[in-house]
Amino acid sequence: MSQPENVLPLKIADAAHSIRHVFVRDLLLDAHIGVYAHEQKTTQPIRVNVDLTVRETVHGDKLANVVCYEEVVNSIKALVASGHLNLVETLAERIASTCLQDPRVSVARVRIEKLSAIPEAASVGVEIERARPSA
């Protein structure tokens, strides 16, 4: 099966450039998100996907030496729980910014999907990619 033209391949691990790929797939949460009146009265289901380009370091089999996906998930949950947001774009930017606070993360790609916003669509949303500014 060929890949649709509008879907780009993930930036995955790359030995030549000492890159590790850390990801969170299909995190399902209920969020207070949306600009319409009916969206501001209740939560709605969202799906979050995060892909991080991480500069590899010697990890020595120690959690402290790697980007921990559980910490990434916990930070996403905290952002979602922090209160109502109007736009999925705002949530995506906040997630990317939080991930880039770890100096080992050089690129963060975040996709937020609203799963029940449009009845005829499986999902709608946004995907962003943000990179650490060059020093």
C-alpha atoms as a PDB file:
ATOM      1  CA  MET A   1       0.000   0.000   0.000  1.00  0.00           C
ATOM      2  CA  SER A   2       1.488   3.326  -1.010  1.00  0.00           C
ATOM      3  CA  GLN A   3       1.666   6.257   1.369  1.00  0.00           C
ATOM      4  CA  PRO A   4      -0.683   9.192   0.681  1.00  0.00           C
ATOM      5  CA  GLU A   5       1.105  12.220  -0.779  1.00  0.00           C
ATOM      6  CA  ASN A   6      -0.018  14.453   2.094  1.00  0.00           C
ATOM      7  CA  VAL A   7       1.581  12.271   4.785  1.00  0.00           C
ATOM      8  CA  LEU A   8       5.298  12.678   5.371  1.00  0.00           C
ATOM      9  CA  PRO A   9       7.453   9.866   6.754  1.00  0.00           C
ATOM     10  CA  LEU A  10       8.565  10.173  10.347  1.00  0.00           C
ATOM     11  CA  LYS A  11      12.057  11.351  11.158  1.00  0.00           C
ATOM     12  CA  ILE A  12      13.302   8.173  12.750  1.00  0.00           C
ATOM     13  CA  ALA A  13      16.469   7.044  14.448  1.00  0.00           C
ATOM     14  CA  ASP A  14      19.622   7.788  12.475  1.00  0.00           C
ATOM     15  CA  ALA A  15      22.920   6.140  13.392  1.00  0.00           C
ATOM     16  CA  ALA A  16      24.957   8.374  11.087  1.00  0.00           C
ATOM     17  CA  HIS A  17      23.810  11.462  12.979  1.00  0.00           C
ATOM     18  CA  SER A  18      23.519   9.883  16.462  1.00  0.00           C
ATOM     19  CA  ILE A  19      19.767  10.454  16.576  1.00  0.00           C
ATOM     20  CA  ARG A  20      17.336   8.542  18.753  1.00  0.00           C
ATOM     21  CA  HIS A  21      13.591   8.683  18.043  1.00  0.00           C
ATOM     22  CA  VAL A  22      11.372   8.883  21.130  1.00  0.00           C
ATOM     23  CA  PHE A  23       7.635   8.749  20.534  1.00  0.00           C
ATOM     24  CA  VAL A  24       4.200   8.607  22.117  1.00  0.00           C
ATOM     25  CA  ARG A  25       1.504   6.990  19.969  1.00  0.00           C
ATOM     26  CA  ASP A  26      -2.240   7.506  20.172  1.00  0.00           C
ATOM     27  CA  LEU A  27      -2.515   8.993  23.656  1.00  0.00           C
ATOM     28  CA  LEU A  28      -6.259   9.300  24.228  1.00  0.00           C
ATOM     29  CA  LEU A  29      -7.420  12.040  26.593  1.00  0.00           C
ATOM     30  CA  ASP A  30     -10.539  14.057  27.306  1.00  0.00           C
ATOM     31  CA  ALA A  31      -9.850  17.756  26.890  1.00  0.00           C
ATOM     32  CA  HIS A  32     -11.614  21.042  27.501  1.00  0.00           C
ATOM     33  CA  ILE A  33     -10.887  22.447  24.058  1.00  0.00           C
ATOM     34  CA  GLY A  34     -12.753  24.343  21.378  1.00  0.00           C
ATOM     35  CA  VAL A  35     -14.089  27.772  20.423  1.00  0.00           C
ATOM     36  CA  TYR A  36     -17.762  26.903  20.032  1.00  0.00           C
ATOM     37  CA  ALA A  37     -20.267  27.201  22.871  1.00  0.00           C
ATOM     38  CA  HIS A  38     -21.076  23.468  22.851  1.00  0.00           C
ATOM     39  CA  GLU A  39     -17.338  22.692  23.147  1.00  0.00           C
ATOM     40  CA  GLN A  40     -16.911  24.936  26.176  1.00  0.00           C
ATOM     41  CA  LYS A  41     -19.477  23.089  28.271  1.00  0.00           C
ATOM     42  CA  THR A  42     -17.860  19.667  28.340  1.00  0.00           C
ATOM     43  CA  THR A  43     -14.757  17.691  27.469  1.00  0.00           C
ATOM     44  CA  GLN A  44     -14.186  16.004  24.157  1.00  0.00           C
ATOM     45  CA  PRO A  45     -11.890  13.154  23.165  1.00  0.00           C
ATOM     46  CA  ILE A  46      -8.549  13.959  21.605  1.00  0.00           C
ATOM     47  CA  ARG A  47      -5.667  11.848  20.322  1.00  0.00           C
ATOM     48  CA  VAL A  48      -2.097  13.047  20.799  1.00  0.00           C
ATOM     49  CA  ASN A  49       0.962  11.812  18.938  1.00  0.00           C
ATOM     50  CA  VAL A  50       4.463  13.071  19.666  1.00  0.00           C
ATOM     51  CA  ASP A  51       7.705  12.347  17.838  1.00  0.00           C
ATOM     52  CA  LEU A  52      10.962  13.612  19.293  1.00  0.00           C
ATOM     53  CA  THR A  53      14.347  13.776  17.625  1.00  0.00           C
ATOM     54  CA  VAL A  54      16.826  13.219  20.434  1.00  0.00           C
ATOM     55  CA  ARG A  55      20.586  13.533  20.328  1.00  0.00           C
ATOM     56  CA  GLU A  56      21.947  10.226  21.541  1.00  0.00           C
ATOM     57  CA  THR A  57      24.113  10.071  24.614  1.00  0.00           C
ATOM     58  CA  VAL A  58      25.592   7.155  26.483  1.00  0.00           C
ATOM     59  CA  HIS A  59      22.691   6.002  28.614  1.00  0.00           C
ATOM     60  CA  GLY A  60      24.387   3.338  30.744  1.00  0.00           C
ATOM     61  CA  ASP A  61      20.988   1.656  31.176  1.00  0.00           C
ATOM     62  CA  LYS A  62      19.894   4.516  33.454  1.00  0.00           C
ATOM     63  CA  LEU A  63      16.548   6.263  33.072  1.00  0.00           C
ATOM     64  CA  ALA A  64      18.051   9.617  34.052  1.00  0.00           C
ATOM     65  CA  ASN A  65      20.206   9.525  30.903  1.00  0.00           C
ATOM     66  CA  VAL A  66      17.348   9.282  28.386  1.00  0.00           C
ATOM     67  CA  VAL A  67      14.268  11.266  27.423  1.00  0.00           C
ATOM     68  CA  CYS A  68      11.574   9.440  29.379  1.00  0.00           C
ATOM     69  CA  TYR A  69       8.335   8.904  27.458  1.00  0.00           C
ATOM     70  CA  GLU A  70       6.420   8.605  30.742  1.00  0.00           C
ATOM     71  CA  GLU A  71       7.541  12.135  31.651  1.00  0.00           C
ATOM     72  CA  VAL A  72       6.452  13.321  28.196  1.00  0.00           C
ATOM     73  CA  VAL A  73       3.015  11.742  28.729  1.00  0.00           C
ATOM     74  CA  ASN A  74       2.700  13.215  32.234  1.00  0.00           C
ATOM     75  CA  SER A  75       3.536  16.696  30.931  1.00  0.00           C
ATOM     76  CA  ILE A  76       0.893  16.348  28.186  1.00  0.00           C
ATOM     77  CA  LYS A  77      -1.684  15.244  30.746  1.00  0.00           C
ATOM     78  CA  ALA A  78      -0.822  18.233  32.941  1.00  0.00           C
ATOM     79  CA  LEU A  79      -1.187  20.645  30.022  1.00  0.00           C
ATOM     80  CA  VAL A  80      -4.564  19.158  29.083  1.00  0.00           C
ATOM     81  CA  ALA A  81      -5.737  19.308  32.700  1.00  0.00           C
ATOM     82  CA  SER A  82      -4.611  22.922  33.192  1.00  0.00           C
ATOM     83  CA  GLY A  83      -7.819  24.415  31.824  1.00  0.00           C
ATOM     84  CA  HIS A  84      -9.830  25.210  28.729  1.00  0.00           C
ATOM     85  CA  LEU A  85      -8.047  26.040  25.467  1.00  0.00           C
ATOM     86  CA  ASN A  86      -9.758  27.405  22.393  1.00  0.00           C
ATOM     87  CA  LEU A  87      -7.470  25.894  19.770  1.00  0.00           C
ATOM     88  CA  VAL A  88      -5.741  22.569  19.168  1.00  0.00           C
ATOM     89  CA  GLU A  89      -2.936  24.678  17.696  1.00  0.00           C
ATOM     90  CA  THR A  90      -2.345  26.219  21.131  1.00  0.00           C
ATOM     91  CA  LEU A  91      -2.151  22.807  22.783  1.00  0.00           C
ATOM     92  CA  ALA A  92       0.238  21.520  20.111  1.00  0.00           C
ATOM     93  CA  GLU A  93       2.528  24.542  20.564  1.00  0.00           C
ATOM     94  CA  ARG A  94       2.554  24.115  24.341  1.00  0.00           C
ATOM     95  CA  ILE A  95       3.390  20.418  24.070  1.00  0.00           C
ATOM     96  CA  ALA A  96       6.208  21.083  21.599  1.00  0.00           C
ATOM     97  CA  SER A  97       7.592  23.875  23.784  1.00  0.00           C
ATOM     98  CA  THR A  98       7.527  21.642  26.864  1.00  0.00           C
ATOM     99  CA  CYS A  99       9.332  18.826  25.026  1.00  0.00           C
ATOM    100  CA  LEU A 100      11.999  21.224  23.718  1.00  0.00           C
ATOM    101  CA  GLN A 101      12.810  22.287  27.284  1.00  0.00           C
ATOM    102  CA  ASP A 102      14.843  19.090  27.514  1.00  0.00           C
ATOM    103  CA  PRO A 103      18.199  20.056  25.948  1.00  0.00           C
ATOM    104  CA  ARG A 104      18.554  16.593  24.382  1.00  0.00           C
ATOM    105  CA  VAL A 105      15.440  17.126  22.223  1.00  0.00           C
ATOM    106  CA  SER A 106      16.266  18.922  18.982  1.00  0.00           C
ATOM    107  CA  VAL A 107      12.937  18.530  17.139  1.00  0.00           C
ATOM    108  CA  ALA A 108       9.383  17.939  18.365  1.00  0.00           C
ATOM    109  CA  ARG A 109       6.556  16.927  16.041  1.00  0.00           C
ATOM    110  CA  VAL A 110       3.116  17.049  17.659  1.00  0.00           C
ATOM    111  CA  ARG A 111      -0.231  15.969  16.208  1.00  0.00           C
ATOM    112  CA  ILE A 112      -3.482  16.757  18.002  1.00  0.00           C
ATOM    113  CA  GLU A 113      -6.722  15.232  16.710  1.00  0.00           C
ATOM    114  CA  LYS A 114     -10.253  15.988  17.872  1.00  0.00           C
ATOM    115  CA  LEU A 115     -12.118  12.711  17.509  1.00  0.00           C
ATOM    116  CA  SER A 116     -15.731  13.857  17.590  1.00  0.00           C
ATOM    117  CA  ALA A 117     -15.676  17.430  16.262  1.00  0.00           C
ATOM    118  CA  ILE A 118     -16.966  16.581  12.783  1.00  0.00           C
ATOM    119  CA  PRO A 119     -19.393  13.621  12.745  1.00  0.00           C
ATOM    120  CA  GLU A 120     -18.507  12.631   9.168  1.00  0.00           C
ATOM    121  CA  ALA A 121     -14.737  12.609   9.843  1.00  0.00           C
ATOM    122  CA  ALA A 122     -12.716  10.124  11.871  1.00  0.00           C
ATOM    123  CA  SER A 123     -10.707  13.061  13.205  1.00  0.00           C
ATOM    124  CA  VAL A 124      -9.668  16.650  12.553  1.00  0.00           C
ATOM    125  CA  GLY A 125      -6.731  18.527  13.955  1.00  0.00           C
ATOM    126  CA  VAL A 126      -3.283  19.892  13.447  1.00  0.00           C
ATOM    127  CA  GLU A 127       0.293  18.689  13.216  1.00  0.00           C
ATOM    128  CA  ILE A 128       3.254  20.942  13.923  1.00  0.00           C
ATOM    129  CA  GLU A 129       6.986  20.513  13.960  1.00  0.00           C
ATOM    130  CA  ARG A 130       9.217  22.751  16.046  1.00  0.00           C
ATOM    131  CA  ALA A 131      12.996  22.722  16.299  1.00  0.00           C
ATOM    132  CA  ARG A 132      15.357  23.956  18.940  1.00  0.00           C
ATOM    133  CA  PRO A 133      16.764  27.326  17.825  1.00  0.00           C
ATOM    134  CA  SER A 134      20.361  27.144  16.601  1.00  0.00           C
ATOM    135  CA  ALA A 135      22.883  28.354  19.146  1.00  0.00           C
END
